[in-house]
Every structure is written in structure tokens, then in C-alpha cells.
């Protein structure tokens, strides 16, 4: 039993499942970005459809929730998650997934939803 998806990601990574850890970490990030939008009055839908994570990330930057450097970091993390979700497993390694998990955890603490 895990208390959070990030905790599950750590366990997966420690047991050799870097790809699953990356996907779950990315999902956690996307959920958090969506919650940050809701908290800060940023629309999460366009034409009654959910916004893409990258659009929400840009909107949070425009709203002043965080700056350009943080926006670029979130974009890079979302790219890693997309690579994992679409089978591009050789494009990243265990160390990058470990840094991804750590970074997302710190992001969530710095920008609580």
C-alpha cells in the first residue's frame, strides 16, 4: 500500500521498472498542474474539452503562478513522461527518472494545490 503515486513511483524505480515509474510520475504531475489551475482560477477546459497539460503549464506561467524557468522544467518533465508513455524507453535512463520523481515532489511542495 502506498500513500501517494510518487511513493509508488519510487518503489517501481527501485524494483527496476523505470518506464512505469516515469508514466506514473508524469500522471501525478499532470493532475497537480490541473489542480494548480483550479486553485488559481485558470480554466482547465477549452470548448468543453480538457486542456492539454502543456497548455495548462503555459497558462499557469501567464497567470504568474510560476516563472519561465519553472514552466520550462515542467515542459521537460512532461516530455519525459510522454517518451515513457509512447515506448521511447531508450530516450531516458534511471537517473533521469529518479531526478524526475524528486523534482515533481519538490514542485508539489513549492506550489501546493
PDB file of N, CA and C in Angstrom:
ATOM      1  N   UNK A   1       0.838  -1.174   0.000  1.00  0.00           N
ATOM      2  CA  UNK A   1       0.000   0.000   0.000  1.00  0.00           C
ATOM      3  C   UNK A   1       0.886   1.242   0.000  1.00  0.00           C
ATOM      4  N   UNK A   2       0.561   2.198  -0.840  1.00  0.00           N
ATOM      5  CA  UNK A   2       1.339   3.424  -0.959  1.00  0.00           C
ATOM      6  C   UNK A   2       0.472   4.617  -0.600  1.00  0.00           C
ATOM      7  N   UNK A   3       1.084   5.615   0.015  1.00  0.00           N
ATOM      8  CA  UNK A   3       0.321   6.796   0.414  1.00  0.00           C
ATOM      9  C   UNK A   3       0.174   7.795  -0.723  1.00  0.00           C
ATOM     10  N   UNK A   4       0.978   7.656  -1.784  1.00  0.00           N
ATOM     11  CA  UNK A   4       0.860   8.555  -2.937  1.00  0.00           C
ATOM     12  C   UNK A   4       1.396   7.849  -4.177  1.00  0.00           C
ATOM     13  N   UNK A   5       1.050   8.406  -5.318  1.00  0.00           N
ATOM     14  CA  UNK A   5       1.564   7.850  -6.559  1.00  0.00           C
ATOM     15  C   UNK A   5       3.069   8.066  -6.679  1.00  0.00           C
ATOM     16  N   UNK A   6       3.569   9.160  -6.109  1.00  0.00           N
ATOM     17  CA  UNK A   6       5.019   9.366  -6.162  1.00  0.00           C
ATOM     18  C   UNK A   6       5.750   8.308  -5.341  1.00  0.00           C
ATOM     19  N   UNK A   7       5.177   7.933  -4.214  1.00  0.00           N
ATOM     20  CA  UNK A   7       5.765   6.851  -3.413  1.00  0.00           C
ATOM     21  C   UNK A   7       5.762   5.543  -4.212  1.00  0.00           C
ATOM     22  N   UNK A   8       4.684   5.307  -4.953  1.00  0.00           N
ATOM     23  CA  UNK A   8       4.616   4.128  -5.817  1.00  0.00           C
ATOM     24  C   UNK A   8       5.683   4.202  -6.901  1.00  0.00           C
ATOM     25  N   UNK A   9       5.898   5.386  -7.450  1.00  0.00           N
ATOM     26  CA  UNK A   9       6.922   5.570  -8.482  1.00  0.00           C
ATOM     27  C   UNK A   9       8.307   5.211  -7.955  1.00  0.00           C
ATOM     28  N   UNK A  10       8.610   5.639  -6.738  1.00  0.00           N
ATOM     29  CA  UNK A  10       9.905   5.328  -6.125  1.00  0.00           C
ATOM     30  C   UNK A  10      10.062   3.810  -6.012  1.00  0.00           C
ATOM     31  N   UNK A  11       9.037   3.140  -5.517  1.00  0.00           N
ATOM     32  CA  UNK A  11       9.102   1.682  -5.365  1.00  0.00           C
ATOM     33  C   UNK A  11       9.273   1.000  -6.727  1.00  0.00           C
ATOM     34  N   UNK A  12       8.556   1.454  -7.724  1.00  0.00           N
ATOM     35  CA  UNK A  12       8.701   0.874  -9.060  1.00  0.00           C
ATOM     36  C   UNK A  12      10.118   1.057  -9.579  1.00  0.00           C
ATOM     37  N   UNK A  13      10.651   2.259  -9.422  1.00  0.00           N
ATOM     38  CA  UNK A  13      12.005   2.535  -9.899  1.00  0.00           C
ATOM     39  C   UNK A  13      13.023   1.658  -9.172  1.00  0.00           C
ATOM     40  N   UNK A  14      12.868   1.547  -7.860  1.00  0.00           N
ATOM     41  CA  UNK A  14      13.797   0.729  -7.062  1.00  0.00           C
ATOM     42  C   UNK A  14      13.728  -0.748  -7.438  1.00  0.00           C
ATOM     43  N   UNK A  15      12.612  -1.171  -8.026  1.00  0.00           N
ATOM     44  CA  UNK A  15      12.443  -2.563  -8.432  1.00  0.00           C
ATOM     45  C   UNK A  15      12.663  -2.779  -9.928  1.00  0.00           C
ATOM     46  N   UNK A  16      13.277  -1.784 -10.586  1.00  0.00           N
ATOM     47  CA  UNK A  16      13.671  -1.955 -11.971  1.00  0.00           C
ATOM     48  C   UNK A  16      12.655  -1.559 -13.022  1.00  0.00           C
ATOM     49  N   UNK A  17      11.590  -0.890 -12.623  1.00  0.00           N
ATOM     50  CA  UNK A  17      10.534  -0.514 -13.555  1.00  0.00           C
ATOM     51  C   UNK A  17      10.563   0.990 -13.840  1.00  0.00           C
ATOM     52  N   UNK A  18      11.619   1.438 -14.492  1.00  0.00           N
ATOM     53  CA  UNK A  18      11.794   2.876 -14.729  1.00  0.00           C
ATOM     54  C   UNK A  18      10.701   3.458 -15.604  1.00  0.00           C
ATOM     55  N   UNK A  19      10.225   2.688 -16.570  1.00  0.00           N
ATOM     56  CA  UNK A  19       9.229   3.201 -17.505  1.00  0.00           C
ATOM     57  C   UNK A  19       7.877   3.419 -16.817  1.00  0.00           C
ATOM     58  N   UNK A  20       7.454   2.463 -16.046  1.00  0.00           N
ATOM     59  CA  UNK A  20       6.208   2.614 -15.285  1.00  0.00           C
ATOM     60  C   UNK A  20       6.345   3.756 -14.274  1.00  0.00           C
ATOM     61  N   UNK A  21       7.500   3.861 -13.641  1.00  0.00           N
ATOM     62  CA  UNK A  21       7.733   4.950 -12.682  1.00  0.00           C
ATOM     63  C   UNK A  21       7.623   6.305 -13.368  1.00  0.00           C
ATOM     64  N   UNK A  22       8.150   6.418 -14.581  1.00  0.00           N
ATOM     65  CA  UNK A  22       8.087   7.682 -15.317  1.00  0.00           C
ATOM     66  C   UNK A  22       6.654   8.032 -15.698  1.00  0.00           C
ATOM     67  N   UNK A  23       5.888   7.052 -16.137  1.00  0.00           N
ATOM     68  CA  UNK A  23       4.500   7.309 -16.527  1.00  0.00           C
ATOM     69  C   UNK A  23       3.685   7.754 -15.311  1.00  0.00           C
ATOM     70  N   UNK A  24       3.824   7.061 -14.202  1.00  0.00           N
ATOM     71  CA  UNK A  24       3.045   7.406 -13.005  1.00  0.00           C
ATOM     72  C   UNK A  24       3.462   8.764 -12.456  1.00  0.00           C
ATOM     73  N   UNK A  25       4.748   9.064 -12.479  1.00  0.00           N
ATOM     74  CA  UNK A  25       5.210  10.376 -12.031  1.00  0.00           C
ATOM     75  C   UNK A  25       4.630  11.464 -12.929  1.00  0.00           C
ATOM     76  N   UNK A  26       4.630  11.237 -14.220  1.00  0.00           N
ATOM     77  CA  UNK A  26       4.065  12.211 -15.154  1.00  0.00           C
ATOM     78  C   UNK A  26       2.577  12.414 -14.962  1.00  0.00           C
ATOM     79  N   UNK A  27       1.880  11.346 -14.660  1.00  0.00           N
ATOM     80  CA  UNK A  27       0.449  11.457 -14.385  1.00  0.00           C
ATOM     81  C   UNK A  27       0.229  12.280 -13.119  1.00  0.00           C
ATOM     82  N   UNK A  28       1.035  12.041 -12.107  1.00  0.00           N
ATOM     83  CA  UNK A  28       0.954  12.824 -10.873  1.00  0.00           C
ATOM     84  C   UNK A  28       1.193  14.298 -11.149  1.00  0.00           C
ATOM     85  N   UNK A  29       2.173  14.585 -11.996  1.00  0.00           N
ATOM     86  CA  UNK A  29       2.474  15.964 -12.364  1.00  0.00           C
ATOM     87  C   UNK A  29       1.285  16.600 -13.075  1.00  0.00           C
ATOM     88  N   UNK A  30       0.710  15.900 -14.034  1.00  0.00           N
ATOM     89  CA  UNK A  30      -0.410  16.455 -14.786  1.00  0.00           C
ATOM     90  C   UNK A  30      -1.607  16.726 -13.883  1.00  0.00           C
ATOM     91  N   UNK A  31      -1.902  15.815 -12.979  1.00  0.00           N
ATOM     92  CA  UNK A  31      -3.002  16.020 -12.028  1.00  0.00           C
ATOM     93  C   UNK A  31      -2.719  17.246 -11.170  1.00  0.00           C
ATOM     94  N   UNK A  32      -1.491  17.390 -10.718  1.00  0.00           N
ATOM     95  CA  UNK A  32      -1.133  18.538  -9.875  1.00  0.00           C
ATOM     96  C   UNK A  32      -1.252  19.847 -10.655  1.00  0.00           C
ATOM     97  N   UNK A  33      -0.787  19.859 -11.897  1.00  0.00           N
ATOM     98  CA  UNK A  33      -0.897  21.065 -12.728  1.00  0.00           C
ATOM     99  C   UNK A  33      -2.370  21.437 -12.898  1.00  0.00           C
ATOM    100  N   UNK A  34      -3.221  20.459 -13.126  1.00  0.00           N
ATOM    101  CA  UNK A  34      -4.661  20.714 -13.265  1.00  0.00           C
ATOM    102  C   UNK A  34      -5.223  21.296 -11.957  1.00  0.00           C
ATOM    103  N   UNK A  35      -4.806  20.747 -10.826  1.00  0.00           N
ATOM    104  CA  UNK A  35      -5.261  21.254  -9.526  1.00  0.00           C
ATOM    105  C   UNK A  35      -4.741  22.668  -9.269  1.00  0.00           C
ATOM    106  N   UNK A  36      -3.515  22.946  -9.694  1.00  0.00           N
ATOM    107  CA  UNK A  36      -2.971  24.305  -9.571  1.00  0.00           C
ATOM    108  C   UNK A  36      -3.790  25.294 -10.385  1.00  0.00           C
ATOM    109  N   UNK A  37      -4.196  24.888 -11.571  1.00  0.00           N
ATOM    110  CA  UNK A  37      -5.046  25.746 -12.393  1.00  0.00           C
ATOM    111  C   UNK A  37      -6.350  26.059 -11.658  1.00  0.00           C
ATOM    112  N   UNK A  38      -6.996  25.025 -11.155  1.00  0.00           N
ATOM    113  CA  UNK A  38      -8.261  25.219 -10.445  1.00  0.00           C
ATOM    114  C   UNK A  38      -8.073  26.149  -9.252  1.00  0.00           C
ATOM    115  N   UNK A  39      -7.010  25.949  -8.508  1.00  0.00           N
ATOM    116  CA  UNK A  39      -6.729  26.776  -7.325  1.00  0.00           C
ATOM    117  C   UNK A  39      -6.516  28.240  -7.703  1.00  0.00           C
ATOM    118  N   UNK A  40      -5.922  28.474  -8.864  1.00  0.00           N
ATOM    119  CA  UNK A  40      -5.548  29.829  -9.265  1.00  0.00           C
ATOM    120  C   UNK A  40      -6.492  30.454 -10.295  1.00  0.00           C
ATOM    121  N   UNK A  41      -7.647  29.857 -10.482  1.00  0.00           N
ATOM    122  CA  UNK A  41      -8.643  30.433 -11.381  1.00  0.00           C
ATOM    123  C   UNK A  41      -8.293  30.344 -12.851  1.00  0.00           C
ATOM    124  N   UNK A  42      -7.457  29.388 -13.212  1.00  0.00           N
ATOM    125  CA  UNK A  42      -7.076  29.179 -14.614  1.00  0.00           C
ATOM    126  C   UNK A  42      -7.969  28.082 -15.182  1.00  0.00           C
ATOM    127  N   UNK A  43      -8.607  28.363 -16.313  1.00  0.00           N
ATOM    128  CA  UNK A  43      -9.500  27.379 -16.931  1.00  0.00           C
ATOM    129  C   UNK A  43      -8.754  26.080 -17.231  1.00  0.00           C
ATOM    130  N   UNK A  44      -9.438  24.972 -16.989  1.00  0.00           N
ATOM    131  CA  UNK A  44      -8.853  23.652 -17.286  1.00  0.00           C
ATOM    132  C   UNK A  44      -9.516  23.008 -18.494  1.00  0.00           C
ATOM    133  N   UNK A  45     -10.478  23.729 -19.099  1.00  0.00           N
ATOM    134  CA  UNK A  45     -11.157  23.233 -20.293  1.00  0.00           C
ATOM    135  C   UNK A  45     -11.185  24.319 -21.355  1.00  0.00           C
ATOM    136  N   UNK A  46     -11.262  23.885 -22.589  1.00  0.00           N
ATOM    137  CA  UNK A  46     -11.484  24.780 -23.724  1.00  0.00           C
ATOM    138  C   UNK A  46     -12.518  24.097 -24.611  1.00  0.00           C
ATOM    139  N   UNK A  47     -13.576  24.807 -24.936  1.00  0.00           N
ATOM    140  CA  UNK A  47     -14.673  24.241 -25.730  1.00  0.00           C
ATOM    141  C   UNK A  47     -15.200  22.945 -25.118  1.00  0.00           C
ATOM    142  N   UNK A  48     -15.357  22.943 -23.801  1.00  0.00           N
ATOM    143  CA  UNK A  48     -15.877  21.799 -23.029  1.00  0.00           C
ATOM    144  C   UNK A  48     -14.996  20.562 -23.094  1.00  0.00           C
ATOM    145  N   UNK A  49     -13.721  20.733 -23.477  1.00  0.00           N
ATOM    146  CA  UNK A  49     -12.775  19.614 -23.502  1.00  0.00           C
ATOM    147  C   UNK A  49     -11.609  19.946 -22.580  1.00  0.00           C
ATOM    148  N   UNK A  50     -11.042  18.943 -21.897  1.00  0.00           N
ATOM    149  CA  UNK A  50      -9.897  19.205 -21.016  1.00  0.00           C
ATOM    150  C   UNK A  50      -8.716  19.775 -21.800  1.00  0.00           C
ATOM    151  N   UNK A  51      -8.073  20.763 -21.219  1.00  0.00           N
ATOM    152  CA  UNK A  51      -6.868  21.324 -21.834  1.00  0.00           C
ATOM    153  C   UNK A  51      -5.729  20.324 -21.727  1.00  0.00           C
ATOM    154  N   UNK A  52      -4.817  20.400 -22.660  1.00  0.00           N
ATOM    155  CA  UNK A  52      -3.606  19.587 -22.599  1.00  0.00           C
ATOM    156  C   UNK A  52      -2.714  20.122 -21.485  1.00  0.00           C
ATOM    157  N   UNK A  53      -1.902  19.249 -20.934  1.00  0.00           N
ATOM    158  CA  UNK A  53      -1.033  19.619 -19.817  1.00  0.00           C
ATOM    159  C   UNK A  53      -0.099  20.766 -20.180  1.00  0.00           C
ATOM    160  N   UNK A  54       0.427  20.741 -21.396  1.00  0.00           N
ATOM    161  CA  UNK A  54       1.349  21.794 -21.807  1.00  0.00           C
ATOM    162  C   UNK A  54       0.663  23.157 -21.868  1.00  0.00           C
ATOM    163  N   UNK A  55      -0.591  23.172 -22.301  1.00  0.00           N
ATOM    164  CA  UNK A  55      -1.359  24.417 -22.343  1.00  0.00           C
ATOM    165  C   UNK A  55      -1.609  24.932 -20.931  1.00  0.00           C
ATOM    166  N   UNK A  56      -1.983  24.030 -20.022  1.00  0.00           N
ATOM    167  CA  UNK A  56      -2.203  24.448 -18.636  1.00  0.00           C
ATOM    168  C   UNK A  56      -0.912  24.983 -18.029  1.00  0.00           C
ATOM    169  N   UNK A  57       0.203  24.358 -18.334  1.00  0.00           N
ATOM    170  CA  UNK A  57       1.507  24.802 -17.840  1.00  0.00           C
ATOM    171  C   UNK A  57       1.782  26.231 -18.310  1.00  0.00           C
ATOM    172  N   UNK A  58       1.557  26.490 -19.594  1.00  0.00           N
ATOM    173  CA  UNK A  58       1.763  27.838 -20.140  1.00  0.00           C
ATOM    174  C   UNK A  58       0.806  28.837 -19.498  1.00  0.00           C
ATOM    175  N   UNK A  59      -0.428  28.418 -19.270  1.00  0.00           N
ATOM    176  CA  UNK A  59      -1.411  29.300 -18.647  1.00  0.00           C
ATOM    177  C   UNK A  59      -1.027  29.645 -17.208  1.00  0.00           C
ATOM    178  N   UNK A  60      -0.466  28.689 -16.486  1.00  0.00           N
ATOM    179  CA  UNK A  60      -0.017  28.960 -15.117  1.00  0.00           C
ATOM    180  C   UNK A  60       1.120  29.976 -15.109  1.00  0.00           C
ATOM    181  N   UNK A  61       2.009  29.869 -16.079  1.00  0.00           N
ATOM    182  CA  UNK A  61       3.096  30.844 -16.200  1.00  0.00           C
ATOM    183  C   UNK A  61       2.524  32.218 -16.515  1.00  0.00           C
ATOM    184  N   UNK A  62       1.583  32.290 -17.470  1.00  0.00           N
ATOM    185  CA  UNK A  62       0.948  33.563 -17.840  1.00  0.00           C
ATOM    186  C   UNK A  62       0.226  34.194 -16.661  1.00  0.00           C
ATOM    187  N   UNK A  63      -0.357  33.350 -15.800  1.00  0.00           N
ATOM    188  CA  UNK A  63      -1.089  33.840 -14.631  1.00  0.00           C
ATOM    189  C   UNK A  63      -0.157  34.262 -13.500  1.00  0.00           C
ATOM    190  N   UNK A  64       1.149  34.027 -13.669  1.00  0.00           N
ATOM    191  CA  UNK A  64       2.109  34.424 -12.647  1.00  0.00           C
ATOM    192  C   UNK A  64       2.232  33.461 -11.490  1.00  0.00           C
ATOM    193  N   UNK A  65       1.699  32.251 -11.656  1.00  0.00           N
ATOM    194  CA  UNK A  65       1.813  31.249 -10.591  1.00  0.00           C
ATOM    195  C   UNK A  65       3.268  30.835 -10.427  1.00  0.00           C
ATOM    196  N   UNK A  66       3.971  30.729 -11.541  1.00  0.00           N
ATOM    197  CA  UNK A  66       5.410  30.494 -11.535  1.00  0.00           C
ATOM    198  C   UNK A  66       6.021  31.119 -12.775  1.00  0.00           C
ATOM    199  N   UNK A  67       7.344  31.142 -12.806  1.00  0.00           N
ATOM    200  CA  UNK A  67       8.055  31.827 -13.871  1.00  0.00           C
ATOM    201  C   UNK A  67       8.465  30.931 -15.030  1.00  0.00           C
ATOM    202  N   UNK A  68       9.223  31.526 -15.927  1.00  0.00           N
ATOM    203  CA  UNK A  68       9.640  30.857 -17.158  1.00  0.00           C
ATOM    204  C   UNK A  68      10.495  29.621 -16.878  1.00  0.00           C
ATOM    205  N   UNK A  69      11.424  29.721 -15.945  1.00  0.00           N
ATOM    206  CA  UNK A  69      12.288  28.561 -15.662  1.00  0.00           C
ATOM    207  C   UNK A  69      11.480  27.365 -15.176  1.00  0.00           C
ATOM    208  N   UNK A  70      10.509  27.627 -14.289  1.00  0.00           N
ATOM    209  CA  UNK A  70       9.673  26.532 -13.794  1.00  0.00           C
ATOM    210  C   UNK A  70       8.815  25.973 -14.919  1.00  0.00           C
ATOM    211  N   UNK A  71       8.280  26.842 -15.778  1.00  0.00           N
ATOM    212  CA  UNK A  71       7.482  26.383 -16.907  1.00  0.00           C
ATOM    213  C   UNK A  71       8.305  25.462 -17.807  1.00  0.00           C
ATOM    214  N   UNK A  72       9.541  25.854 -18.089  1.00  0.00           N
ATOM    215  CA  UNK A  72      10.397  25.025 -18.944  1.00  0.00           C
ATOM    216  C   UNK A  72      10.708  23.684 -18.284  1.00  0.00           C
ATOM    217  N   UNK A  73      10.890  23.694 -16.968  1.00  0.00           N
ATOM    218  CA  UNK A  73      11.156  22.436 -16.264  1.00  0.00           C
ATOM    219  C   UNK A  73       9.956  21.514 -16.361  1.00  0.00           C
ATOM    220  N   UNK A  74       8.776  22.054 -16.143  1.00  0.00           N
ATOM    221  CA  UNK A  74       7.559  21.243 -16.246  1.00  0.00           C
ATOM    222  C   UNK A  74       7.413  20.689 -17.663  1.00  0.00           C
ATOM    223  N   UNK A  75       7.711  21.500 -18.663  1.00  0.00           N
ATOM    224  CA  UNK A  75       7.651  21.038 -20.058  1.00  0.00           C
ATOM    225  C   UNK A  75       8.614  19.872 -20.278  1.00  0.00           C
ATOM    226  N   UNK A  76       9.828  19.983 -19.752  1.00  0.00           N
ATOM    227  CA  UNK A  76      10.814  18.899 -19.895  1.00  0.00           C
ATOM    228  C   UNK A  76      10.325  17.627 -19.207  1.00  0.00           C
ATOM    229  N   UNK A  77       9.747  17.772 -18.014  1.00  0.00           N
ATOM    230  CA  UNK A  77       9.212  16.603 -17.316  1.00  0.00           C
ATOM    231  C   UNK A  77       8.087  15.954 -18.111  1.00  0.00           C
ATOM    232  N   UNK A  78       7.221  16.779 -18.679  1.00  0.00           N
ATOM    233  CA  UNK A  78       6.113  16.230 -19.473  1.00  0.00           C
ATOM    234  C   UNK A  78       6.635  15.505 -20.714  1.00  0.00           C
ATOM    235  N   UNK A  79       7.728  15.979 -21.268  1.00  0.00           N
ATOM    236  CA  UNK A  79       8.348  15.303 -22.406  1.00  0.00           C
ATOM    237  C   UNK A  79       8.860  13.925 -21.994  1.00  0.00           C
ATOM    238  N   UNK A  80       9.487  13.844 -20.833  1.00  0.00           N
ATOM    239  CA  UNK A  80       9.975  12.549 -20.346  1.00  0.00           C
ATOM    240  C   UNK A  80       8.792  11.598 -20.156  1.00  0.00           C
ATOM    241  N   UNK A  81       7.730  12.079 -19.574  1.00  0.00           N
ATOM    242  CA  UNK A  81       6.543  11.248 -19.356  1.00  0.00           C
ATOM    243  C   UNK A  81       5.979  10.758 -20.683  1.00  0.00           C
ATOM    244  N   UNK A  82       5.916  11.640 -21.686  1.00  0.00           N
ATOM    245  CA  UNK A  82       5.405  11.245 -22.995  1.00  0.00           C
ATOM    246  C   UNK A  82       6.294  10.194 -23.649  1.00  0.00           C
ATOM    247  N   UNK A  83       7.602  10.325 -23.500  1.00  0.00           N
ATOM    248  CA  UNK A  83       8.513   9.315 -24.047  1.00  0.00           C
ATOM    249  C   UNK A  83       8.248   7.961 -23.410  1.00  0.00           C
ATOM    250  N   UNK A  84       8.041   7.956 -22.102  1.00  0.00           N
ATOM    251  CA  UNK A  84       7.755   6.696 -21.408  1.00  0.00           C
ATOM    252  C   UNK A  84       6.413   6.123 -21.851  1.00  0.00           C
ATOM    253  N   UNK A  85       5.423   6.973 -21.967  1.00  0.00           N
ATOM    254  CA  UNK A  85       4.080   6.506 -22.315  1.00  0.00           C
ATOM    255  C   UNK A  85       3.981   6.009 -23.750  1.00  0.00           C
ATOM    256  N   UNK A  86       4.889   6.459 -24.611  1.00  0.00           N
ATOM    257  CA  UNK A  86       4.816   6.090 -26.022  1.00  0.00           C
ATOM    258  C   UNK A  86       5.935   5.148 -26.455  1.00  0.00           C
ATOM    259  N   UNK A  87       6.576   4.522 -25.473  1.00  0.00           N
ATOM    260  CA  UNK A  87       7.518   3.460 -25.792  1.00  0.00           C
ATOM    261  C   UNK A  87       8.914   3.884 -26.205  1.00  0.00           C
ATOM    262  N   UNK A  88       9.294   5.116 -25.961  1.00  0.00           N
ATOM    263  CA  UNK A  88      10.639   5.586 -26.295  1.00  0.00           C
ATOM    264  C   UNK A  88      11.562   5.400 -25.083  1.00  0.00           C
ATOM    265  N   UNK A  89      11.682   4.163 -24.653  1.00  0.00           N
ATOM    266  CA  UNK A  89      12.356   3.831 -23.401  1.00  0.00           C
ATOM    267  C   UNK A  89      13.846   4.121 -23.400  1.00  0.00           C
ATOM    268  N   UNK A  90      14.473   4.148 -24.550  1.00  0.00           N
ATOM    269  CA  UNK A  90      15.909   4.415 -24.622  1.00  0.00           C
ATOM    270  C   UNK A  90      16.265   5.895 -24.580  1.00  0.00           C
ATOM    271  N   UNK A  91      15.252   6.757 -24.576  1.00  0.00           N
ATOM    272  CA  UNK A  91      15.496   8.200 -24.594  1.00  0.00           C
ATOM    273  C   UNK A  91      15.775   8.793 -23.216  1.00  0.00           C
ATOM    274  N   UNK A  92      15.704   7.968 -22.173  1.00  0.00           N
ATOM    275  CA  UNK A  92      15.945   8.435 -20.803  1.00  0.00           C
ATOM    276  C   UNK A  92      16.437   7.242 -19.989  1.00  0.00           C
ATOM    277  N   UNK A  93      17.019   7.552 -18.834  1.00  0.00           N
ATOM    278  CA  UNK A  93      17.581   6.470 -18.016  1.00  0.00           C
ATOM    279  C   UNK A  93      17.067   6.551 -16.573  1.00  0.00           C
ATOM    280  N   UNK A  94      17.548   5.612 -15.762  1.00  0.00           N
ATOM    281  CA  UNK A  94      17.111   5.538 -14.366  1.00  0.00           C
ATOM    282  C   UNK A  94      17.413   6.830 -13.607  1.00  0.00           C
ATOM    283  N   UNK A  95      18.578   7.396 -13.820  1.00  0.00           N
ATOM    284  CA  UNK A  95      18.950   8.626 -13.107  1.00  0.00           C
ATOM    285  C   UNK A  95      17.999   9.762 -13.455  1.00  0.00           C
ATOM    286  N   UNK A  96      17.597   9.839 -14.710  1.00  0.00           N
ATOM    287  CA  UNK A  96      16.666  10.900 -15.110  1.00  0.00           C
ATOM    288  C   UNK A  96      15.287  10.689 -14.492  1.00  0.00           C
ATOM    289  N   UNK A  97      14.845   9.453 -14.386  1.00  0.00           N
ATOM    290  CA  UNK A  97      13.555   9.175 -13.746  1.00  0.00           C
ATOM    291  C   UNK A  97      13.647   9.485 -12.257  1.00  0.00           C
ATOM    292  N   UNK A  98      14.750   9.140 -11.640  1.00  0.00           N
ATOM    293  CA  UNK A  98      14.948   9.454 -10.220  1.00  0.00           C
ATOM    294  C   UNK A  98      14.879  10.967 -10.005  1.00  0.00           C
ATOM    295  N   UNK A  99      15.555  11.737 -10.868  1.00  0.00           N
ATOM    296  CA  UNK A  99      15.528  13.203 -10.774  1.00  0.00           C
ATOM    297  C   UNK A  99      14.118  13.733 -11.053  1.00  0.00           C
ATOM    298  N   UNK A 100      13.411  13.094 -11.969  1.00  0.00           N
ATOM    299  CA  UNK A 100      12.029  13.457 -12.299  1.00  0.00           C
ATOM    300  C   UNK A 100      11.139  13.329 -11.066  1.00  0.00           C
ATOM    301  N   UNK A 101      11.220  12.202 -10.398  1.00  0.00           N
ATOM    302  CA  UNK A 101      10.412  11.966  -9.199  1.00  0.00           C
ATOM    303  C   UNK A 101      10.749  13.005  -8.128  1.00  0.00           C
ATOM    304  N   UNK A 102      12.020  13.199  -7.882  1.00  0.00           N
ATOM    305  CA  UNK A 102      12.461  14.174  -6.872  1.00  0.00           C
ATOM    306  C   UNK A 102      11.991  15.586  -7.243  1.00  0.00           C
ATOM    307  N   UNK A 103      12.143  15.946  -8.503  1.00  0.00           N
ATOM    308  CA  UNK A 103      11.744  17.272  -8.949  1.00  0.00           C
ATOM    309  C   UNK A 103      10.252  17.509  -8.828  1.00  0.00           C
ATOM    310  N   UNK A 104       9.453  16.522  -9.217  1.00  0.00           N
ATOM    311  CA  UNK A 104       7.996  16.665  -9.121  1.00  0.00           C
ATOM    312  C   UNK A 104       7.582  16.779  -7.655  1.00  0.00           C
ATOM    313  N   UNK A 105       8.202  16.003  -6.788  1.00  0.00           N
ATOM    314  CA  UNK A 105       7.893  16.097  -5.356  1.00  0.00           C
ATOM    315  C   UNK A 105       8.189  17.513  -4.837  1.00  0.00           C
ATOM    316  N   UNK A 106       9.349  18.053  -5.199  1.00  0.00           N
ATOM    317  CA  UNK A 106       9.719  19.403  -4.767  1.00  0.00           C
ATOM    318  C   UNK A 106       8.783  20.450  -5.373  1.00  0.00           C
ATOM    319  N   UNK A 107       8.403  20.269  -6.630  1.00  0.00           N
ATOM    320  CA  UNK A 107       7.469  21.166  -7.300  1.00  0.00           C
ATOM    321  C   UNK A 107       6.131  21.204  -6.551  1.00  0.00           C
ATOM    322  N   UNK A 108       5.632  20.037  -6.180  1.00  0.00           N
ATOM    323  CA  UNK A 108       4.349  19.961  -5.476  1.00  0.00           C
ATOM    324  C   UNK A 108       4.422  20.650  -4.112  1.00  0.00           C
ATOM    325  N   UNK A 109       5.562  20.555  -3.460  1.00  0.00           N
ATOM    326  CA  UNK A 109       5.724  21.223  -2.172  1.00  0.00           C
ATOM    327  C   UNK A 109       5.844  22.734  -2.324  1.00  0.00           C
ATOM    328  N   UNK A 110       6.552  23.157  -3.352  1.00  0.00           N
ATOM    329  CA  UNK A 110       6.758  24.586  -3.573  1.00  0.00           C
ATOM    330  C   UNK A 110       5.490  25.273  -4.080  1.00  0.00           C
ATOM    331  N   UNK A 111       4.711  24.558  -4.887  1.00  0.00           N
ATOM    332  CA  UNK A 111       3.483  25.099  -5.472  1.00  0.00           C
ATOM    333  C   UNK A 111       2.312  24.202  -5.080  1.00  0.00           C
ATOM    334  N   UNK A 112       1.868  24.297  -3.826  1.00  0.00           N
ATOM    335  CA  UNK A 112       0.777  23.411  -3.380  1.00  0.00           C
ATOM    336  C   UNK A 112      -0.549  23.744  -4.067  1.00  0.00           C
ATOM    337  N   UNK A 113      -1.324  22.715  -4.305  1.00  0.00           N
ATOM    338  CA  UNK A 113      -2.636  22.917  -4.975  1.00  0.00           C
ATOM    339  C   UNK A 113      -3.756  22.858  -3.971  1.00  0.00           C
TER     340      UNK A 113
END
